[in-house]
Amino acid sequence: MNLLPNNGAKLVYVLVLIGLFTGGLLLAQWAPWNKGQQSSNGYANLGGDFTLNSQQGEVALTDFQGQLVLMYFGFTSCPDVCPTALSSMAASMRELGPELEASTQHETR
């Protein structure tokens, strides 16, 4: 009794394995759990409202609706990146002009 399959059976096994592998790849690519939220422009919707705690209480992003918001999360000690980033932000603030610069709000933690 020969326990090894013949060449025709081997081909069927290989084709079934290739089909299962391909089907798994297609399912992983187009599965509904892989979609995320999509906007009308085809990019994922990022962001959304969030709340942070400040010294004055909670602050939500929606509190600034209709206003320009720039957030920067720095560190207490970052000698390489923070000075450059803060310098860029200071230059941007100067570009706003004195009226808009005076109406800005700075929060530190």
C-alpha atoms as a PDB file:
ATOM      1  CA  MET A   1       0.000   0.000   0.000  1.00  0.00           C
ATOM      2  CA  ASN A   2       1.444   3.350  -1.096  1.00  0.00           C
ATOM      3  CA  LEU A   3       0.833   6.183   1.435  1.00  0.00           C
ATOM      4  CA  LEU A   4       2.390   8.912  -0.723  1.00  0.00           C
ATOM      5  CA  PRO A   5      -0.069  10.704  -3.036  1.00  0.00           C
ATOM      6  CA  ASN A   6       0.478  10.561  -6.781  1.00  0.00           C
ATOM      7  CA  ASN A   7       1.498  13.595  -8.838  1.00  0.00           C
ATOM      8  CA  GLY A   8      -2.113  14.593  -9.621  1.00  0.00           C
ATOM      9  CA  ALA A   9      -3.045  14.650  -5.929  1.00  0.00           C
ATOM     10  CA  LYS A  10       0.084  16.675  -5.115  1.00  0.00           C
ATOM     11  CA  LEU A  11      -0.936  19.260  -7.693  1.00  0.00           C
ATOM     12  CA  VAL A  12      -4.425  19.504  -6.180  1.00  0.00           C
ATOM     13  CA  TYR A  13      -2.959  19.977  -2.690  1.00  0.00           C
ATOM     14  CA  VAL A  14      -0.597  22.705  -3.897  1.00  0.00           C
ATOM     15  CA  LEU A  15      -3.390  24.511  -5.779  1.00  0.00           C
ATOM     16  CA  VAL A  16      -5.680  24.359  -2.730  1.00  0.00           C
ATOM     17  CA  LEU A  17      -2.926  25.769  -0.506  1.00  0.00           C
ATOM     18  CA  ILE A  18      -2.207  28.572  -2.986  1.00  0.00           C
ATOM     19  CA  GLY A  19      -5.933  29.348  -3.176  1.00  0.00           C
ATOM     20  CA  LEU A  20      -6.284  29.471   0.613  1.00  0.00           C
ATOM     21  CA  PHE A  21      -3.228  31.694   0.942  1.00  0.00           C
ATOM     22  CA  THR A  22      -4.453  34.074  -1.772  1.00  0.00           C
ATOM     23  CA  GLY A  23      -7.939  34.158  -0.262  1.00  0.00           C
ATOM     24  CA  GLY A  24      -6.476  34.995   3.139  1.00  0.00           C
ATOM     25  CA  LEU A  25      -4.456  37.847   1.683  1.00  0.00           C
ATOM     26  CA  LEU A  26      -7.496  39.249  -0.124  1.00  0.00           C
ATOM     27  CA  LEU A  27      -9.623  38.975   3.000  1.00  0.00           C
ATOM     28  CA  ALA A  28      -6.991  40.761   5.085  1.00  0.00           C
ATOM     29  CA  GLN A  29      -6.696  43.526   2.488  1.00  0.00           C
ATOM     30  CA  TRP A  30     -10.395  44.266   1.995  1.00  0.00           C
ATOM     31  CA  ALA A  31     -11.885  43.175   5.302  1.00  0.00           C
ATOM     32  CA  PRO A  32     -14.299  45.627   6.950  1.00  0.00           C
ATOM     33  CA  TRP A  33     -12.221  45.746  10.151  1.00  0.00           C
ATOM     34  CA  ASN A  34      -9.282  47.027   8.100  1.00  0.00           C
ATOM     35  CA  LYS A  35     -11.085  50.097   6.762  1.00  0.00           C
ATOM     36  CA  GLY A  36     -11.043  52.665   9.578  1.00  0.00           C
ATOM     37  CA  GLN A  37     -13.084  55.793   9.175  1.00  0.00           C
ATOM     38  CA  GLN A  38     -12.768  57.270   5.720  1.00  0.00           C
ATOM     39  CA  SER A  39     -13.596  60.809   4.735  1.00  0.00           C
ATOM     40  CA  SER A  40     -14.907  61.822   1.344  1.00  0.00           C
ATOM     41  CA  ASN A  41     -11.397  62.649   0.130  1.00  0.00           C
ATOM     42  CA  GLY A  42     -10.154  59.093   0.738  1.00  0.00           C
ATOM     43  CA  TYR A  43      -7.985  59.879   3.755  1.00  0.00           C
ATOM     44  CA  ALA A  44      -8.665  58.629   7.261  1.00  0.00           C
ATOM     45  CA  ASN A  45     -10.470  61.033   9.564  1.00  0.00           C
ATOM     46  CA  LEU A  46      -7.892  61.958  12.154  1.00  0.00           C
ATOM     47  CA  GLY A  47      -8.250  64.053  15.227  1.00  0.00           C
ATOM     48  CA  GLY A  48     -11.635  64.886  16.585  1.00  0.00           C
ATOM     49  CA  ASP A  49     -12.491  66.559  19.832  1.00  0.00           C
ATOM     50  CA  PHE A  50     -10.434  65.875  22.926  1.00  0.00           C
ATOM     51  CA  THR A  51     -10.126  67.304  26.411  1.00  0.00           C
ATOM     52  CA  LEU A  52      -6.981  68.271  28.310  1.00  0.00           C
ATOM     53  CA  ASN A  53      -6.625  69.310  31.934  1.00  0.00           C
ATOM     54  CA  SER A  54      -5.229  72.765  32.615  1.00  0.00           C
ATOM     55  CA  GLN A  55      -4.665  74.830  35.732  1.00  0.00           C
ATOM     56  CA  GLN A  56      -7.994  76.524  35.044  1.00  0.00           C
ATOM     57  CA  GLY A  57      -9.879  73.231  34.562  1.00  0.00           C
ATOM     58  CA  GLU A  58     -10.653  71.146  31.507  1.00  0.00           C
ATOM     59  CA  VAL A  59     -10.012  72.560  28.050  1.00  0.00           C
ATOM     60  CA  ALA A  60     -11.584  70.957  24.973  1.00  0.00           C
ATOM     61  CA  LEU A  61     -10.635  71.497  21.361  1.00  0.00           C
ATOM     62  CA  THR A  62     -14.226  72.540  20.636  1.00  0.00           C
ATOM     63  CA  ASP A  63     -13.690  75.503  22.999  1.00  0.00           C
ATOM     64  CA  PHE A  64     -11.605  77.015  20.200  1.00  0.00           C
ATOM     65  CA  GLN A  65     -13.991  76.285  17.325  1.00  0.00           C
ATOM     66  CA  GLY A  66     -13.541  78.781  14.503  1.00  0.00           C
ATOM     67  CA  GLN A  67     -10.106  79.806  15.767  1.00  0.00           C
ATOM     68  CA  LEU A  68      -6.654  78.876  14.613  1.00  0.00           C
ATOM     69  CA  VAL A  69      -5.177  76.307  17.014  1.00  0.00           C
ATOM     70  CA  LEU A  70      -1.506  75.380  17.251  1.00  0.00           C
ATOM     71  CA  MET A  71      -0.477  72.838  19.855  1.00  0.00           C
ATOM     72  CA  TYR A  72       3.054  71.949  20.752  1.00  0.00           C
ATOM     73  CA  PHE A  73       3.945  69.365  23.353  1.00  0.00           C
ATOM     74  CA  GLY A  74       7.511  69.987  24.428  1.00  0.00           C
ATOM     75  CA  PHE A  75       9.666  68.458  27.098  1.00  0.00           C
ATOM     76  CA  THR A  76      11.386  69.846  30.166  1.00  0.00           C
ATOM     77  CA  SER A  77      14.762  68.878  28.758  1.00  0.00           C
ATOM     78  CA  CYS A  78      15.260  68.554  25.019  1.00  0.00           C
ATOM     79  CA  PRO A  79      18.291  70.591  24.012  1.00  0.00           C
ATOM     80  CA  ASP A  80      18.322  69.442  20.387  1.00  0.00           C
ATOM     81  CA  VAL A  81      14.726  69.737  19.106  1.00  0.00           C
ATOM     82  CA  CYS A  82      12.815  72.123  21.373  1.00  0.00           C
ATOM     83  CA  PRO A  83      14.832  75.311  20.724  1.00  0.00           C
ATOM     84  CA  THR A  84      14.448  74.867  16.977  1.00  0.00           C
ATOM     85  CA  ALA A  85      10.729  74.132  17.211  1.00  0.00           C
ATOM     86  CA  LEU A  86      10.091  77.026  19.587  1.00  0.00           C
ATOM     87  CA  SER A  87      12.076  79.349  17.324  1.00  0.00           C
ATOM     88  CA  SER A  88       9.890  78.330  14.371  1.00  0.00           C
ATOM     89  CA  MET A  89       6.754  78.911  16.430  1.00  0.00           C
ATOM     90  CA  ALA A  90       8.000  82.345  17.551  1.00  0.00           C
ATOM     91  CA  ALA A  91       8.630  83.297  13.913  1.00  0.00           C
ATOM     92  CA  SER A  92       5.114  82.140  13.032  1.00  0.00           C
ATOM     93  CA  MET A  93       3.669  84.228  15.847  1.00  0.00           C
ATOM     94  CA  ARG A  94       5.504  87.303  14.561  1.00  0.00           C
ATOM     95  CA  GLU A  95       4.006  86.674  11.103  1.00  0.00           C
ATOM     96  CA  LEU A  96       0.498  86.907  12.592  1.00  0.00           C
ATOM     97  CA  GLY A  97       0.948  90.577  13.265  1.00  0.00           C
ATOM     98  CA  PRO A  98       0.522  92.472  16.531  1.00  0.00           C
ATOM     99  CA  GLU A  99      -3.290  92.280  16.656  1.00  0.00           C
ATOM    100  CA  LEU A 100      -3.526  88.509  16.239  1.00  0.00           C
ATOM    101  CA  GLU A 101      -0.416  87.912  18.311  1.00  0.00           C
ATOM    102  CA  ALA A 102      -2.006  89.799  21.221  1.00  0.00           C
ATOM    103  CA  SER A 103      -5.102  87.587  21.049  1.00  0.00           C
ATOM    104  CA  THR A 104      -3.191  84.315  21.359  1.00  0.00           C
ATOM    105  CA  GLN A 105      -3.377  82.142  24.432  1.00  0.00           C
ATOM    106  CA  HIS A 106      -0.361  80.307  25.807  1.00  0.00           C
ATOM    107  CA  GLU A 107      -0.756  77.292  28.073  1.00  0.00           C
ATOM    108  CA  THR A 108       2.116  75.689  29.914  1.00  0.00           C
ATOM    109  CA  ARG A 109       2.076  72.641  32.156  1.00  0.00           C
END
